[in-house]
Amino acid sequence: MNSASAVKTKNTATDKRFKMLDATIKRYQYQQDALIEILHKAQELFGYLENDVLVYVAHSLKLPPSRVYGVATFYHLFSLAPSGVHTCVVCTGTACYVKGAQAILTNLEKSAHIHAGETSADGQISLLTARCLGACGIAPAVVFDGTVLGNQTPESVLDRIKGWLQDGSS
């Protein structure tokens, strides 16, 4: 608990985002059942869920940090690392997989020099996977910065992210 108190003292005084997070926690009346909603707000405020934020939420809700971390790592919508400027999400559901999602993913990993779940060193691209996007009729589907495109190939996906790769090197 000392580290959580230190986090609260150190950051609350200097970072207004913690005050906004406090308002959210208070709105949910410090209910442990509101953990997911509170983590969503924390990610919205901070961009991702860093350890200090997770410990802060755990302390505020009187939960073990392991439970908060467990929830944050279980749901794929939560990120424990900063996201890139651009995001590319490859669907790996059954229909997309059968129609070539693995080849798309492998090609992206080689070209961007990152693995799924990582962000490029220049901070330009976050490469993610999803178990299913619900776009099976247009498989394989890939989401580029929130836009779903279907019937993708390794080449079409690479063409789409080439601009992102060049943006990071200029």
Protein backbone atom coordinates (compact mmCIF):
# COMPACT_ATOMS: atom_id res chain seq x y z
CA MET A 1 0.00 0.00 0.00
CA ASN A 2 2.93 2.39 0.49
CA SER A 3 3.68 2.45 -3.23
CA ALA A 4 0.04 3.26 -4.01
CA SER A 5 0.09 6.10 -1.47
CA ALA A 6 3.29 7.38 -3.03
CA VAL A 7 1.67 7.28 -6.46
CA LYS A 8 -1.34 9.18 -5.17
CA THR A 9 0.78 11.82 -3.46
CA LYS A 10 3.34 12.20 -6.25
CA ASN A 11 1.01 12.37 -9.26
CA THR A 12 -2.23 13.83 -7.98
CA ALA A 13 -0.61 17.14 -7.16
CA THR A 14 1.01 17.55 -10.58
CA ASP A 15 -1.21 15.71 -13.05
CA LYS A 16 -4.77 16.91 -13.64
CA ARG A 17 -5.65 13.60 -15.28
CA PHE A 18 -5.61 11.96 -11.85
CA LYS A 19 -8.14 14.52 -10.62
CA MET A 20 -10.41 13.66 -13.56
CA LEU A 21 -9.92 9.96 -12.80
CA ASP A 22 -10.82 10.66 -9.17
CA ALA A 23 -14.07 12.28 -10.33
CA THR A 24 -14.91 9.15 -12.32
CA ILE A 25 -14.12 6.86 -9.38
CA LYS A 26 -16.26 9.03 -7.12
CA ARG A 27 -19.12 9.00 -9.68
CA TYR A 28 -19.06 5.19 -9.48
CA GLN A 29 -19.05 5.51 -5.68
CA TYR A 30 -15.76 3.60 -5.33
CA GLN A 31 -17.56 0.40 -6.34
CA GLN A 32 -15.21 -2.44 -7.20
CA ASP A 33 -17.74 -3.67 -9.77
CA ALA A 34 -17.06 -0.51 -11.82
CA LEU A 35 -13.43 -1.50 -12.43
CA ILE A 36 -13.80 -1.95 -16.19
CA GLU A 37 -15.55 1.40 -16.65
CA ILE A 38 -12.92 3.13 -14.53
CA LEU A 39 -10.09 1.50 -16.50
CA HIS A 40 -11.72 2.68 -19.74
CA LYS A 41 -11.75 6.24 -18.40
CA ALA A 42 -8.15 5.92 -17.22
CA GLN A 43 -7.05 4.75 -20.66
CA GLU A 44 -8.98 7.59 -22.28
CA LEU A 45 -7.23 10.10 -20.01
CA PHE A 46 -3.69 8.68 -20.12
CA GLY A 47 -3.68 7.01 -23.55
CA TYR A 48 -2.72 3.68 -22.03
CA LEU A 49 -2.66 1.97 -18.63
CA GLU A 50 0.78 2.43 -17.16
CA ASN A 51 1.69 0.71 -13.88
CA ASP A 52 1.26 3.87 -11.79
CA VAL A 53 -2.31 4.24 -13.03
CA LEU A 54 -3.14 0.59 -12.35
CA VAL A 55 -1.78 0.83 -8.80
CA TYR A 56 -3.65 4.09 -8.28
CA VAL A 57 -6.96 2.52 -9.38
CA ALA A 58 -6.31 -0.55 -7.20
CA HIS A 59 -5.62 1.64 -4.17
CA SER A 60 -8.66 3.85 -4.82
CA LEU A 61 -11.02 0.87 -5.12
CA LYS A 62 -9.33 -1.10 -2.32
CA LEU A 63 -8.53 -3.95 -4.73
CA PRO A 64 -5.35 -6.01 -4.97
CA PRO A 65 -3.13 -4.65 -7.77
CA SER A 66 -3.01 -8.18 -9.21
CA ARG A 67 -6.77 -8.11 -9.83
CA VAL A 68 -6.63 -4.73 -11.59
CA TYR A 69 -3.66 -5.90 -13.68
CA GLY A 70 -5.49 -9.15 -14.47
CA VAL A 71 -8.52 -7.29 -15.80
CA ALA A 72 -6.35 -4.86 -17.78
CA THR A 73 -4.45 -7.69 -19.46
CA PHE A 74 -7.48 -9.92 -20.05
CA TYR A 75 -9.41 -7.49 -22.24
CA HIS A 76 -7.76 -6.67 -25.56
CA LEU A 77 -9.21 -3.14 -25.60
CA PHE A 78 -6.84 -2.14 -22.80
CA SER A 79 -3.26 -1.25 -23.61
CA LEU A 80 -0.34 -1.31 -21.16
CA ALA A 81 1.96 0.53 -23.57
CA PRO A 82 1.62 3.74 -25.57
CA SER A 83 -0.06 3.31 -28.94
CA GLY A 84 1.47 4.38 -32.22
CA VAL A 85 0.28 7.29 -34.32
CA HIS A 86 -1.41 4.73 -36.58
CA THR A 87 -2.99 1.39 -35.74
CA CYS A 88 -3.34 -1.67 -37.91
CA VAL A 89 -5.51 -4.49 -36.60
CA VAL A 90 -5.45 -7.81 -38.46
CA CYS A 91 -8.44 -10.06 -37.88
CA THR A 92 -7.33 -13.61 -37.06
CA GLY A 93 -10.80 -15.12 -36.75
CA THR A 94 -11.54 -18.37 -38.56
CA ALA A 95 -12.82 -16.88 -41.83
CA CYS A 96 -9.98 -14.37 -42.06
CA TYR A 97 -7.40 -16.97 -41.06
CA VAL A 98 -8.59 -19.40 -43.74
CA LYS A 99 -8.44 -16.63 -46.34
CA GLY A 100 -4.87 -15.54 -45.56
CA ALA A 101 -4.73 -13.44 -42.40
CA GLN A 102 -1.55 -15.18 -41.25
CA ALA A 103 0.29 -14.25 -44.47
CA ILE A 104 -0.86 -10.63 -44.03
CA LEU A 105 0.35 -10.59 -40.43
CA THR A 106 3.72 -12.19 -41.29
CA ASN A 107 4.28 -9.70 -44.11
CA LEU A 108 3.43 -6.76 -41.83
CA GLU A 109 5.74 -8.00 -39.09
CA LYS A 110 8.64 -8.25 -41.55
CA SER A 111 7.97 -4.88 -43.18
CA ALA A 112 7.35 -2.86 -40.02
CA HIS A 113 9.98 -4.77 -37.97
CA ILE A 114 7.52 -5.38 -35.13
CA HIS A 115 5.42 -8.27 -33.86
CA ALA A 116 1.69 -8.26 -33.19
CA GLY A 117 0.98 -6.38 -29.99
CA GLU A 118 3.95 -4.04 -30.43
CA THR A 119 4.50 -0.47 -31.54
CA SER A 120 7.30 0.44 -33.95
CA ALA A 121 10.39 2.06 -32.44
CA ASP A 122 9.56 5.37 -34.15
CA GLY A 123 6.09 5.32 -32.58
CA GLN A 124 4.34 5.39 -35.97
CA ILE A 125 2.58 2.01 -36.10
CA SER A 126 0.91 -0.24 -33.56
CA LEU A 127 0.27 -3.72 -34.97
CA LEU A 128 -2.56 -5.59 -33.29
CA THR A 129 -4.68 -8.67 -33.86
CA ALA A 130 -8.33 -9.28 -33.08
CA ARG A 131 -10.00 -12.66 -32.65
CA CYS A 132 -12.93 -11.56 -34.81
CA LEU A 133 -14.07 -8.24 -36.27
CA GLY A 134 -17.47 -9.57 -37.31
CA ALA A 135 -16.65 -8.88 -40.96
CA CYS A 136 -16.44 -12.51 -42.07
CA GLY A 137 -18.18 -11.83 -45.38
CA ILE A 138 -15.28 -9.64 -46.52
CA ALA A 139 -12.48 -11.79 -45.08
CA PRO A 140 -9.62 -11.26 -44.65
CA ALA A 141 -10.37 -7.96 -42.91
CA VAL A 142 -7.92 -5.40 -41.57
CA VAL A 143 -8.65 -2.21 -39.62
CA PHE A 144 -6.53 0.81 -40.53
CA ASP A 145 -6.89 3.67 -38.02
CA GLY A 146 -10.47 2.60 -37.26
CA THR A 147 -11.53 1.92 -40.86
CA VAL A 148 -12.36 -1.70 -41.71
CA LEU A 149 -11.25 -2.86 -45.16
CA GLY A 150 -12.05 -6.30 -46.51
CA ASN A 151 -10.65 -8.70 -49.09
CA GLN A 152 -7.12 -7.69 -48.13
CA THR A 153 -3.89 -9.27 -49.38
CA PRO A 154 -0.36 -9.00 -47.99
CA GLU A 155 0.41 -6.60 -50.83
CA SER A 156 -2.66 -4.34 -50.38
CA VAL A 157 -2.01 -4.05 -46.66
CA LEU A 158 1.66 -3.25 -47.20
CA ASP A 159 0.73 -0.60 -49.78
CA ARG A 160 -1.62 0.95 -47.24
CA ILE A 161 1.00 1.20 -44.48
CA LYS A 162 3.91 2.29 -46.70
CA GLY A 163 2.89 5.90 -46.20
CA TRP A 164 2.92 5.40 -42.45
CA LEU A 165 6.41 3.89 -42.61
CA GLN A 166 7.64 6.83 -44.70
CA ASP A 167 6.05 9.36 -42.34
CA GLY A 168 8.16 7.97 -39.52
CA SER A 169 11.42 8.19 -41.47
CA SER A 170 11.03 11.74 -42.74
